[in-house]
Structure formats: structure tokens, C-alpha cells
Amino acid sequence: MKISELEQGLHNGTFDKNLAELYGNADMEIMRQKTRLLEAVREFTELYPSRDDIEVFSAPGRTEIGGNHTDHQCGCVLAAAVDLDIIAIAAFHNDGVIRLM
């Protein structure tokens, strides 16, 4: 999705149904999540101004950032506990490097 499509969809209500399914129907909560996503996109754009084609991800509760089963990873798993969910804005590139900010 293009950044401009996401921003326009958040402003004109295109994603309100999706946000309501994830966060509840309260108008105040939908507005809070729109603001949260717009802020994440703004920060992403500042860090990666040449990237315009993005994906948006949401992970609820506990998530494994790296690894999954300790028996397969020699006891090494990078996990995170999150309050409600954690969002990520990502873009593909051919640099062969993954950057987390």
C-alpha cells in the first residue's frame, strides 16, 4: 500500500470498520488508533523518505521477535510482552539488511 493511500484512508474513514474490529466500536478509540497509525507512518517517513510502498502489521499480546521455540533456538528467543498490541510499518528493499527502529 502506498503511504498516501493509508493516510487518505485513515482520514476519510475507509479503515474505520477494521479498526473497530481490532479495538472496539468506540469513536474515541478509533480516533486514538488512527492518530497512533498516522504517527507511526510519519516516523517511518522521516527515517526512510525514499520508501513509499509499505505494509502495516499488528501483533497482539506476547510476540516472538526472533526465534520461536527454545528447543530449536538453543534456549535463545527474543520475546516481548505488549499491553494491547504493537504496530509496525515495514517496507521491502533489496539491501539484505533488516532495520528495526
PDB file of N, CA and C in Angstrom:
ATOM      1  N   MET A   1       0.847  -1.171   0.000  1.00  0.00           N
ATOM      2  CA  MET A   1       0.000   0.000   0.000  1.00  0.00           C
ATOM      3  C   MET A   1       0.895   1.237   0.000  1.00  0.00           C
ATOM      4  N   LYS A   2       0.503   2.211  -0.723  1.00  0.00           N
ATOM      5  CA  LYS A   2       1.225   3.481  -0.730  1.00  0.00           C
ATOM      6  C   LYS A   2       0.914   4.251   0.550  1.00  0.00           C
ATOM      7  N   ILE A   3       1.899   4.980   1.034  1.00  0.00           N
ATOM      8  CA  ILE A   3       1.719   5.769   2.256  1.00  0.00           C
ATOM      9  C   ILE A   3       0.549   6.734   2.100  1.00  0.00           C
ATOM     10  N   SER A   4       0.450   7.370   0.952  1.00  0.00           N
ATOM     11  CA  SER A   4      -0.643   8.330   0.727  1.00  0.00           C
ATOM     12  C   SER A   4      -2.007   7.644   0.785  1.00  0.00           C
ATOM     13  N   GLU A   5      -2.105   6.389   0.321  1.00  0.00           N
ATOM     14  CA  GLU A   5      -3.370   5.645   0.384  1.00  0.00           C
ATOM     15  C   GLU A   5      -3.760   5.359   1.832  1.00  0.00           C
ATOM     16  N   LEU A   6      -2.770   4.973   2.640  1.00  0.00           N
ATOM     17  CA  LEU A   6      -3.046   4.707   4.050  1.00  0.00           C
ATOM     18  C   LEU A   6      -3.495   5.987   4.753  1.00  0.00           C
ATOM     19  N   GLU A   7      -2.756   7.064   4.549  1.00  0.00           N
ATOM     20  CA  GLU A   7      -3.108   8.333   5.201  1.00  0.00           C
ATOM     21  C   GLU A   7      -4.498   8.795   4.780  1.00  0.00           C
ATOM     22  N   GLN A   8      -4.789   8.731   3.486  1.00  0.00           N
ATOM     23  CA  GLN A   8      -6.101   9.155   2.988  1.00  0.00           C
ATOM     24  C   GLN A   8      -7.202   8.263   3.569  1.00  0.00           C
ATOM     25  N   GLY A   9      -6.971   6.938   3.591  1.00  0.00           N
ATOM     26  CA  GLY A   9      -7.958   6.014   4.145  1.00  0.00           C
ATOM     27  C   GLY A   9      -8.215   6.234   5.617  1.00  0.00           C
ATOM     28  N   LEU A  10      -7.178   6.581   6.371  1.00  0.00           N
ATOM     29  CA  LEU A  10      -7.363   6.873   7.795  1.00  0.00           C
ATOM     30  C   LEU A  10      -8.148   8.158   7.986  1.00  0.00           C
ATOM     31  N   HIS A  11      -7.899   9.156   7.143  1.00  0.00           N
ATOM     32  CA  HIS A  11      -8.608  10.432   7.264  1.00  0.00           C
ATOM     33  C   HIS A  11     -10.067  10.334   6.818  1.00  0.00           C
ATOM     34  N   ASN A  12     -10.339   9.527   5.774  1.00  0.00           N
ATOM     35  CA  ASN A  12     -11.715   9.524   5.249  1.00  0.00           C
ATOM     36  C   ASN A  12     -12.586   8.382   5.786  1.00  0.00           C
ATOM     37  N   GLY A  13     -12.054   7.560   6.696  1.00  0.00           N
ATOM     38  CA  GLY A  13     -12.868   6.534   7.345  1.00  0.00           C
ATOM     39  C   GLY A  13     -12.862   5.172   6.668  1.00  0.00           C
ATOM     40  N   THR A  14     -12.058   4.993   5.628  1.00  0.00           N
ATOM     41  CA  THR A  14     -12.005   3.721   4.914  1.00  0.00           C
ATOM     42  C   THR A  14     -11.681   2.550   5.839  1.00  0.00           C
ATOM     43  N   PHE A  15     -10.829   2.778   6.825  1.00  0.00           N
ATOM     44  CA  PHE A  15     -10.375   1.697   7.705  1.00  0.00           C
ATOM     45  C   PHE A  15     -11.108   1.655   9.041  1.00  0.00           C
ATOM     46  N   ASP A  16     -12.143   2.460   9.210  1.00  0.00           N
ATOM     47  CA  ASP A  16     -12.852   2.510  10.487  1.00  0.00           C
ATOM     48  C   ASP A  16     -13.418   1.150  10.892  1.00  0.00           C
ATOM     49  N   LYS A  17     -13.961   0.392   9.942  1.00  0.00           N
ATOM     50  CA  LYS A  17     -14.530  -0.921  10.260  1.00  0.00           C
ATOM     51  C   LYS A  17     -13.427  -1.863  10.758  1.00  0.00           C
ATOM     52  N   ASN A  18     -12.281  -1.845  10.089  1.00  0.00           N
ATOM     53  CA  ASN A  18     -11.162  -2.688  10.513  1.00  0.00           C
ATOM     54  C   ASN A  18     -10.685  -2.294  11.906  1.00  0.00           C
ATOM     55  N   LEU A  19     -10.565  -1.000  12.150  1.00  0.00           N
ATOM     56  CA  LEU A  19     -10.117  -0.520  13.458  1.00  0.00           C
ATOM     57  C   LEU A  19     -11.116  -0.888  14.545  1.00  0.00           C
ATOM     58  N   ALA A  20     -12.418  -0.812  14.228  1.00  0.00           N
ATOM     59  CA  ALA A  20     -13.453  -1.180  15.197  1.00  0.00           C
ATOM     60  C   ALA A  20     -13.378  -2.664  15.540  1.00  0.00           C
ATOM     61  N   GLU A  21     -13.070  -3.509  14.553  1.00  0.00           N
ATOM     62  CA  GLU A  21     -12.943  -4.944  14.819  1.00  0.00           C
ATOM     63  C   GLU A  21     -11.760  -5.236  15.738  1.00  0.00           C
ATOM     64  N   LEU A  22     -10.684  -4.489  15.583  1.00  0.00           N
ATOM     65  CA  LEU A  22      -9.492  -4.713  16.397  1.00  0.00           C
ATOM     66  C   LEU A  22      -9.578  -4.078  17.777  1.00  0.00           C
ATOM     67  N   TYR A  23     -10.148  -2.876  17.849  1.00  0.00           N
ATOM     68  CA  TYR A  23     -10.053  -2.080  19.075  1.00  0.00           C
ATOM     69  C   TYR A  23     -11.394  -1.732  19.720  1.00  0.00           C
ATOM     70  N   GLY A  24     -12.491  -2.120  19.117  1.00  0.00           N
ATOM     71  CA  GLY A  24     -13.806  -1.789  19.661  1.00  0.00           C
ATOM     72  C   GLY A  24     -14.444  -0.636  18.896  1.00  0.00           C
ATOM     73  N   ASN A  25     -15.744  -0.519  19.056  1.00  0.00           N
ATOM     74  CA  ASN A  25     -16.538   0.430  18.265  1.00  0.00           C
ATOM     75  C   ASN A  25     -16.515   1.868  18.756  1.00  0.00           C
ATOM     76  N   ALA A  26     -15.947   2.135  19.905  1.00  0.00           N
ATOM     77  CA  ALA A  26     -15.982   3.492  20.465  1.00  0.00           C
ATOM     78  C   ALA A  26     -15.270   4.470  19.542  1.00  0.00           C
ATOM     79  N   ASP A  27     -15.969   5.544  19.189  1.00  0.00           N
ATOM     80  CA  ASP A  27     -15.396   6.562  18.297  1.00  0.00           C
ATOM     81  C   ASP A  27     -14.071   7.104  18.817  1.00  0.00           C
ATOM     82  N   MET A  28     -13.996   7.286  20.128  1.00  0.00           N
ATOM     83  CA  MET A  28     -12.783   7.827  20.744  1.00  0.00           C
ATOM     84  C   MET A  28     -11.600   6.875  20.525  1.00  0.00           C
ATOM     85  N   GLU A  29     -11.848   5.575  20.660  1.00  0.00           N
ATOM     86  CA  GLU A  29     -10.780   4.579  20.479  1.00  0.00           C
ATOM     87  C   GLU A  29     -10.359   4.496  19.011  1.00  0.00           C
ATOM     88  N   ILE A  30     -11.302   4.554  18.102  1.00  0.00           N
ATOM     89  CA  ILE A  30     -10.962   4.537  16.678  1.00  0.00           C
ATOM     90  C   ILE A  30     -10.106   5.749  16.337  1.00  0.00           C
ATOM     91  N   MET A  31     -10.453   6.899  16.863  1.00  0.00           N
ATOM     92  CA  MET A  31      -9.668   8.114  16.623  1.00  0.00           C
ATOM     93  C   MET A  31      -8.266   7.979  17.215  1.00  0.00           C
ATOM     94  N   ARG A  32      -8.168   7.383  18.400  1.00  0.00           N
ATOM     95  CA  ARG A  32      -6.868   7.186  19.038  1.00  0.00           C
ATOM     96  C   ARG A  32      -5.974   6.285  18.186  1.00  0.00           C
ATOM     97  N   GLN A  33      -6.555   5.241  17.632  1.00  0.00           N
ATOM     98  CA  GLN A  33      -5.776   4.323  16.801  1.00  0.00           C
ATOM     99  C   GLN A  33      -5.382   4.956  15.465  1.00  0.00           C
ATOM    100  N   LYS A  34      -6.259   5.768  14.904  1.00  0.00           N
ATOM    101  CA  LYS A  34      -5.905   6.496  13.674  1.00  0.00           C
ATOM    102  C   LYS A  34      -4.712   7.410  13.923  1.00  0.00           C
ATOM    103  N   THR A  35      -4.758   8.123  15.033  1.00  0.00           N
ATOM    104  CA  THR A  35      -3.657   9.019  15.397  1.00  0.00           C
ATOM    105  C   THR A  35      -2.376   8.231  15.592  1.00  0.00           C
ATOM    106  N   ARG A  36      -2.482   7.103  16.261  1.00  0.00           N
ATOM    107  CA  ARG A  36      -1.330   6.233  16.504  1.00  0.00           C
ATOM    108  C   ARG A  36      -0.709   5.753  15.184  1.00  0.00           C
ATOM    109  N   LEU A  37      -1.534   5.306  14.246  1.00  0.00           N
ATOM    110  CA  LEU A  37      -1.035   4.833  12.952  1.00  0.00           C
ATOM    111  C   LEU A  37      -0.427   5.971  12.138  1.00  0.00           C
ATOM    112  N   LEU A  38      -1.074   7.119  12.144  1.00  0.00           N
ATOM    113  CA  LEU A  38      -0.538   8.271  11.408  1.00  0.00           C
ATOM    114  C   LEU A  38       0.810   8.703  11.969  1.00  0.00           C
ATOM    115  N   GLU A  39       0.969   8.637  13.281  1.00  0.00           N
ATOM    116  CA  GLU A  39       2.245   8.976  13.908  1.00  0.00           C
ATOM    117  C   GLU A  39       3.320   7.959  13.512  1.00  0.00           C
ATOM    118  N   ALA A  40       2.962   6.686  13.494  1.00  0.00           N
ATOM    119  CA  ALA A  40       3.927   5.652  13.087  1.00  0.00           C
ATOM    120  C   ALA A  40       4.355   5.854  11.632  1.00  0.00           C
ATOM    121  N   VAL A  41       3.421   6.193  10.772  1.00  0.00           N
ATOM    122  CA  VAL A  41       3.742   6.446   9.360  1.00  0.00           C
ATOM    123  C   VAL A  41       4.627   7.687   9.238  1.00  0.00           C
ATOM    124  N   ARG A  42       4.337   8.713  10.022  1.00  0.00           N
ATOM    125  CA  ARG A  42       5.154   9.933   9.983  1.00  0.00           C
ATOM    126  C   ARG A  42       6.594   9.611  10.390  1.00  0.00           C
ATOM    127  N   GLU A  43       6.756   8.852  11.463  1.00  0.00           N
ATOM    128  CA  GLU A  43       8.101   8.489  11.909  1.00  0.00           C
ATOM    129  C   GLU A  43       8.807   7.615  10.879  1.00  0.00           C
ATOM    130  N   PHE A  44       8.082   6.679  10.286  1.00  0.00           N
ATOM    131  CA  PHE A  44       8.665   5.824   9.249  1.00  0.00           C
ATOM    132  C   PHE A  44       9.152   6.678   8.079  1.00  0.00           C
ATOM    133  N   THR A  45       8.337   7.639   7.665  1.00  0.00           N
ATOM    134  CA  THR A  45       8.676   8.511   6.542  1.00  0.00           C
ATOM    135  C   THR A  45       9.908   9.353   6.846  1.00  0.00           C
ATOM    136  N   GLU A  46      10.043   9.796   8.090  1.00  0.00           N
ATOM    137  CA  GLU A  46      11.239  10.554   8.471  1.00  0.00           C
ATOM    138  C   GLU A  46      12.493   9.689   8.392  1.00  0.00           C
ATOM    139  N   LEU A  47      12.374   8.423   8.817  1.00  0.00           N
ATOM    140  CA  LEU A  47      13.519   7.519   8.802  1.00  0.00           C
ATOM    141  C   LEU A  47      13.854   7.013   7.403  1.00  0.00           C
ATOM    142  N   TYR A  48      12.827   6.784   6.589  1.00  0.00           N
ATOM    143  CA  TYR A  48      13.013   6.195   5.269  1.00  0.00           C
ATOM    144  C   TYR A  48      12.248   7.003   4.214  1.00  0.00           C
ATOM    145  N   PRO A  49      12.716   8.196   3.901  1.00  0.00           N
ATOM    146  CA  PRO A  49      11.975   9.062   2.984  1.00  0.00           C
ATOM    147  C   PRO A  49      11.839   8.515   1.564  1.00  0.00           C
ATOM    148  N   SER A  50      12.703   7.598   1.158  1.00  0.00           N
ATOM    149  CA  SER A  50      12.620   7.063  -0.202  1.00  0.00           C
ATOM    150  C   SER A  50      11.656   5.880  -0.308  1.00  0.00           C
ATOM    151  N   ARG A  51      11.137   5.403   0.802  1.00  0.00           N
ATOM    152  CA  ARG A  51      10.211   4.260   0.793  1.00  0.00           C
ATOM    153  C   ARG A  51       8.770   4.769   0.777  1.00  0.00           C
ATOM    154  N   ASP A  52       7.995   4.302  -0.192  1.00  0.00           N
ATOM    155  CA  ASP A  52       6.606   4.735  -0.292  1.00  0.00           C
ATOM    156  C   ASP A  52       5.630   3.563  -0.249  1.00  0.00           C
ATOM    157  N   ASP A  53       6.084   2.374  -0.586  1.00  0.00           N
ATOM    158  CA  ASP A  53       5.228   1.198  -0.604  1.00  0.00           C
ATOM    159  C   ASP A  53       5.429   0.450   0.714  1.00  0.00           C
ATOM    160  N   ILE A  54       4.392   0.432   1.564  1.00  0.00           N
ATOM    161  CA  ILE A  54       4.541  -0.099   2.924  1.00  0.00           C
ATOM    162  C   ILE A  54       3.521  -1.191   3.222  1.00  0.00           C
ATOM    163  N   GLU A  55       3.769  -1.874   4.309  1.00  0.00           N
ATOM    164  CA  GLU A  55       2.823  -2.817   4.903  1.00  0.00           C
ATOM    165  C   GLU A  55       2.647  -2.409   6.363  1.00  0.00           C
ATOM    166  N   VAL A  56       1.463  -2.636   6.898  1.00  0.00           N
ATOM    167  CA  VAL A  56       1.173  -2.324   8.297  1.00  0.00           C
ATOM    168  C   VAL A  56       0.855  -3.638   9.010  1.00  0.00           C
ATOM    169  N   PHE A  57       1.498  -3.849  10.159  1.00  0.00           N
ATOM    170  CA  PHE A  57       1.314  -5.075  10.926  1.00  0.00           C
ATOM    171  C   PHE A  57       0.900  -4.741  12.350  1.00  0.00           C
ATOM    172  N   SER A  58       0.122  -5.648  12.934  1.00  0.00           N
ATOM    173  CA  SER A  58      -0.280  -5.531  14.329  1.00  0.00           C
ATOM    174  C   SER A  58      -0.109  -6.899  14.971  1.00  0.00           C
ATOM    175  N   ALA A  59       0.567  -6.932  16.119  1.00  0.00           N
ATOM    176  CA  ALA A  59       0.753  -8.182  16.854  1.00  0.00           C
ATOM    177  C   ALA A  59       0.178  -8.006  18.255  1.00  0.00           C
ATOM    178  N   PRO A  60      -0.788  -8.841  18.645  1.00  0.00           N
ATOM    179  CA  PRO A  60      -1.404  -8.724  19.964  1.00  0.00           C
ATOM    180  C   PRO A  60      -0.628  -9.463  21.046  1.00  0.00           C
ATOM    181  N   GLY A  61      -0.805  -9.005  22.270  1.00  0.00           N
ATOM    182  CA  GLY A  61      -0.277  -9.723  23.428  1.00  0.00           C
ATOM    183  C   GLY A  61       1.207  -9.972  23.410  1.00  0.00           C
ATOM    184  N   ARG A  62       1.603 -11.233  23.556  1.00  0.00           N
ATOM    185  CA  ARG A  62       3.021 -11.613  23.569  1.00  0.00           C
ATOM    186  C   ARG A  62       3.416 -11.985  22.147  1.00  0.00           C
ATOM    187  N   THR A  63       4.582 -11.585  21.763  1.00  0.00           N
ATOM    188  CA  THR A  63       5.045 -11.903  20.422  1.00  0.00           C
ATOM    189  C   THR A  63       6.516 -12.292  20.446  1.00  0.00           C
ATOM    190  N   GLU A  64       6.881 -13.204  19.604  1.00  0.00           N
ATOM    191  CA  GLU A  64       8.284 -13.559  19.443  1.00  0.00           C
ATOM    192  C   GLU A  64       8.874 -12.683  18.351  1.00  0.00           C
ATOM    193  N   ILE A  65       9.849 -11.893  18.712  1.00  0.00           N
ATOM    194  CA  ILE A  65      10.506 -11.021  17.746  1.00  0.00           C
ATOM    195  C   ILE A  65      11.528 -11.827  16.958  1.00  0.00           C
ATOM    196  N   GLY A  66      12.208 -12.722  17.630  1.00  0.00           N
ATOM    197  CA  GLY A  66      13.180 -13.587  16.963  1.00  0.00           C
ATOM    198  C   GLY A  66      13.166 -14.955  17.608  1.00  0.00           C
ATOM    199  N   GLY A  67      13.155 -16.001  16.800  1.00  0.00           N
ATOM    200  CA  GLY A  67      13.074 -17.349  17.340  1.00  0.00           C
ATOM    201  C   GLY A  67      11.645 -17.681  17.690  1.00  0.00           C
ATOM    202  N   ASN A  68      11.403 -18.904  18.073  1.00  0.00           N
ATOM    203  CA  ASN A  68      10.061 -19.271  18.458  1.00  0.00           C
ATOM    204  C   ASN A  68      10.093 -20.311  19.564  1.00  0.00           C
ATOM    205  N   HIS A  69      10.763 -21.425  19.346  1.00  0.00           N
ATOM    206  CA  HIS A  69      10.839 -22.483  20.349  1.00  0.00           C
ATOM    207  C   HIS A  69      12.255 -22.552  20.895  1.00  0.00           C
ATOM    208  N   THR A  70      12.360 -22.538  22.207  1.00  0.00           N
ATOM    209  CA  THR A  70      13.694 -22.565  22.800  1.00  0.00           C
ATOM    210  C   THR A  70      14.452 -23.843  22.450  1.00  0.00           C
ATOM    211  N   ASP A  71      13.739 -24.939  22.239  1.00  0.00           N
ATOM    212  CA  ASP A  71      14.426 -26.178  21.893  1.00  0.00           C
ATOM    213  C   ASP A  71      15.052 -26.119  20.499  1.00  0.00           C
ATOM    214  N   HIS A  72      14.520 -25.304  19.623  1.00  0.00           N
ATOM    215  CA  HIS A  72      15.085 -25.148  18.274  1.00  0.00           C
ATOM    216  C   HIS A  72      16.107 -24.024  18.204  1.00  0.00           C
ATOM    217  N   GLN A  73      16.135 -23.164  19.201  1.00  0.00           N
ATOM    218  CA  GLN A  73      16.979 -21.977  19.177  1.00  0.00           C
ATOM    219  C   GLN A  73      18.068 -22.031  20.249  1.00  0.00           C
ATOM    220  N   CYS A  74      18.346 -23.212  20.773  1.00  0.00           N
ATOM    221  CA  CYS A  74      19.360 -23.376  21.819  1.00  0.00           C
ATOM    222  C   CYS A  74      19.082 -22.472  23.025  1.00  0.00           C
ATOM    223  N   GLY A  75      17.824 -22.308  23.352  1.00  0.00           N
ATOM    224  CA  GLY A  75      17.446 -21.502  24.507  1.00  0.00           C
ATOM    225  C   GLY A  75      17.348 -20.015  24.233  1.00  0.00           C
ATOM    226  N   CYS A  76      17.559 -19.594  22.989  1.00  0.00           N
ATOM    227  CA  CYS A  76      17.580 -18.160  22.666  1.00  0.00           C
ATOM    228  C   CYS A  76      16.309 -17.754  21.925  1.00  0.00           C
ATOM    229  N   VAL A  77      15.469 -17.009  22.600  1.00  0.00           N
ATOM    230  CA  VAL A  77      14.261 -16.463  21.993  1.00  0.00           C
ATOM    231  C   VAL A  77      14.148 -15.019  22.430  1.00  0.00           C
ATOM    232  N   LEU A  78      13.915 -14.129  21.509  1.00  0.00           N
ATOM    233  CA  LEU A  78      13.698 -12.722  21.829  1.00  0.00           C
ATOM    234  C   LEU A  78      12.196 -12.484  21.799  1.00  0.00           C
ATOM    235  N   ALA A  79      11.584 -12.358  22.974  1.00  0.00           N
ATOM    236  CA  ALA A  79      10.142 -12.191  23.089  1.00  0.00           C
ATOM    237  C   ALA A  79       9.840 -10.833  23.706  1.00  0.00           C
ATOM    238  N   ALA A  80       8.628 -10.372  23.495  1.00  0.00           N
ATOM    239  CA  ALA A  80       8.197  -9.104  24.070  1.00  0.00           C
ATOM    240  C   ALA A  80       6.761  -9.250  24.549  1.00  0.00           C
ATOM    241  N   ALA A  81       6.453  -8.658  25.683  1.00  0.00           N
ATOM    242  CA  ALA A  81       5.081  -8.592  26.169  1.00  0.00           C
ATOM    243  C   ALA A  81       4.573  -7.200  25.860  1.00  0.00           C
ATOM    244  N   VAL A  82       3.390  -7.125  25.293  1.00  0.00           N
ATOM    245  CA  VAL A  82       2.832  -5.830  24.925  1.00  0.00           C
ATOM    246  C   VAL A  82       1.460  -5.677  25.570  1.00  0.00           C
ATOM    247  N   ASP A  83       1.116  -4.453  25.859  1.00  0.00           N
ATOM    248  CA  ASP A  83      -0.124  -4.107  26.539  1.00  0.00           C
ATOM    249  C   ASP A  83      -1.361  -4.588  25.776  1.00  0.00           C
ATOM    250  N   LEU A  84      -1.578  -4.070  24.610  1.00  0.00           N
ATOM    251  CA  LEU A  84      -2.740  -4.414  23.796  1.00  0.00           C
ATOM    252  C   LEU A  84      -2.265  -4.997  22.479  1.00  0.00           C
ATOM    253  N   ASP A  85      -1.515  -4.237  21.772  1.00  0.00           N
ATOM    254  CA  ASP A  85      -0.891  -4.703  20.549  1.00  0.00           C
ATOM    255  C   ASP A  85       0.289  -3.798  20.238  1.00  0.00           C
ATOM    256  N   ILE A  86       1.086  -4.245  19.331  1.00  0.00           N
ATOM    257  CA  ILE A  86       2.208  -3.448  18.870  1.00  0.00           C
ATOM    258  C   ILE A  86       2.070  -3.345  17.362  1.00  0.00           C
ATOM    259  N   ILE A  87       2.297  -2.164  16.823  1.00  0.00           N
ATOM    260  CA  ILE A  87       2.166  -1.992  15.380  1.00  0.00           C
ATOM    261  C   ILE A  87       3.541  -1.809  14.760  1.00  0.00           C
ATOM    262  N   ALA A  88       3.622  -2.149  13.495  1.00  0.00           N
ATOM    263  CA  ALA A  88       4.864  -1.975  12.755  1.00  0.00           C
ATOM    264  C   ALA A  88       4.539  -1.517  11.346  1.00  0.00           C
ATOM    265  N   ILE A  89       5.334  -0.609  10.854  1.00  0.00           N
ATOM    266  CA  ILE A  89       5.277  -0.179   9.462  1.00  0.00           C
ATOM    267  C   ILE A  89       6.533  -0.750   8.814  1.00  0.00           C
ATOM    268  N   ALA A  90       6.386  -1.468   7.725  1.00  0.00           N
ATOM    269  CA  ALA A  90       7.536  -2.127   7.096  1.00  0.00           C
ATOM    270  C   ALA A  90       7.513  -1.885   5.591  1.00  0.00           C
ATOM    271  N   ALA A  91       8.714  -1.910   5.010  1.00  0.00           N
ATOM    272  CA  ALA A  91       8.849  -1.775   3.564  1.00  0.00           C
ATOM    273  C   ALA A  91       9.922  -2.735   3.076  1.00  0.00           C
ATOM    274  N   PHE A  92       9.700  -3.333   1.938  1.00  0.00           N
ATOM    275  CA  PHE A  92      10.664  -4.252   1.357  1.00  0.00           C
ATOM    276  C   PHE A  92      11.756  -3.470   0.633  1.00  0.00           C
ATOM    277  N   HIS A  93      12.955  -4.023   0.667  1.00  0.00           N
ATOM    278  CA  HIS A  93      14.061  -3.467  -0.105  1.00  0.00           C
ATOM    279  C   HIS A  93      15.027  -4.593  -0.424  1.00  0.00           C
ATOM    280  N   ASN A  94      15.993  -4.344  -1.244  1.00  0.00           N
ATOM    281  CA  ASN A  94      16.946  -5.370  -1.677  1.00  0.00           C
ATOM    282  C   ASN A  94      18.317  -5.226  -1.032  1.00  0.00           C
ATOM    283  N   ASP A  95      18.416  -4.541   0.096  1.00  0.00           N
ATOM    284  CA  ASP A  95      19.706  -4.306   0.740  1.00  0.00           C
ATOM    285  C   ASP A  95      20.238  -5.523   1.483  1.00  0.00           C
ATOM    286  N   GLY A  96      19.397  -6.508   1.782  1.00  0.00           N
ATOM    287  CA  GLY A  96      19.835  -7.676   2.524  1.00  0.00           C
ATOM    288  C   GLY A  96      20.022  -7.409   4.007  1.00  0.00           C
ATOM    289  N   VAL A  97      19.419  -6.341   4.523  1.00  0.00           N
ATOM    290  CA  VAL A  97      19.552  -5.953   5.922  1.00  0.00           C
ATOM    291  C   VAL A  97      18.163  -5.668   6.484  1.00  0.00           C
ATOM    292  N   ILE A  98      17.916  -6.108   7.713  1.00  0.00           N
ATOM    293  CA  ILE A  98      16.666  -5.779   8.397  1.00  0.00           C
ATOM    294  C   ILE A  98      16.975  -4.704   9.424  1.00  0.00           C
ATOM    295  N   ARG A  99      16.243  -3.606   9.369  1.00  0.00           N
ATOM    296  CA  ARG A  99      16.450  -2.495  10.300  1.00  0.00           C
ATOM    297  C   ARG A  99      15.214  -2.340  11.177  1.00  0.00           C
ATOM    298  N   LEU A 100      15.416  -2.301  12.495  1.00  0.00           N
ATOM    299  CA  LEU A 100      14.344  -2.067  13.458  1.00  0.00           C
ATOM    300  C   LEU A 100      14.622  -0.757  14.153  1.00  0.00           C
ATOM    301  N   MET A 101      13.654   0.103  14.189  1.00  0.00           N
ATOM    302  CA  MET A 101      13.800   1.397  14.854  1.00  0.00           C
ATOM    303  C   MET A 101      12.722   1.559  15.888  1.00  0.00           C
TER     304      MET A 101
END
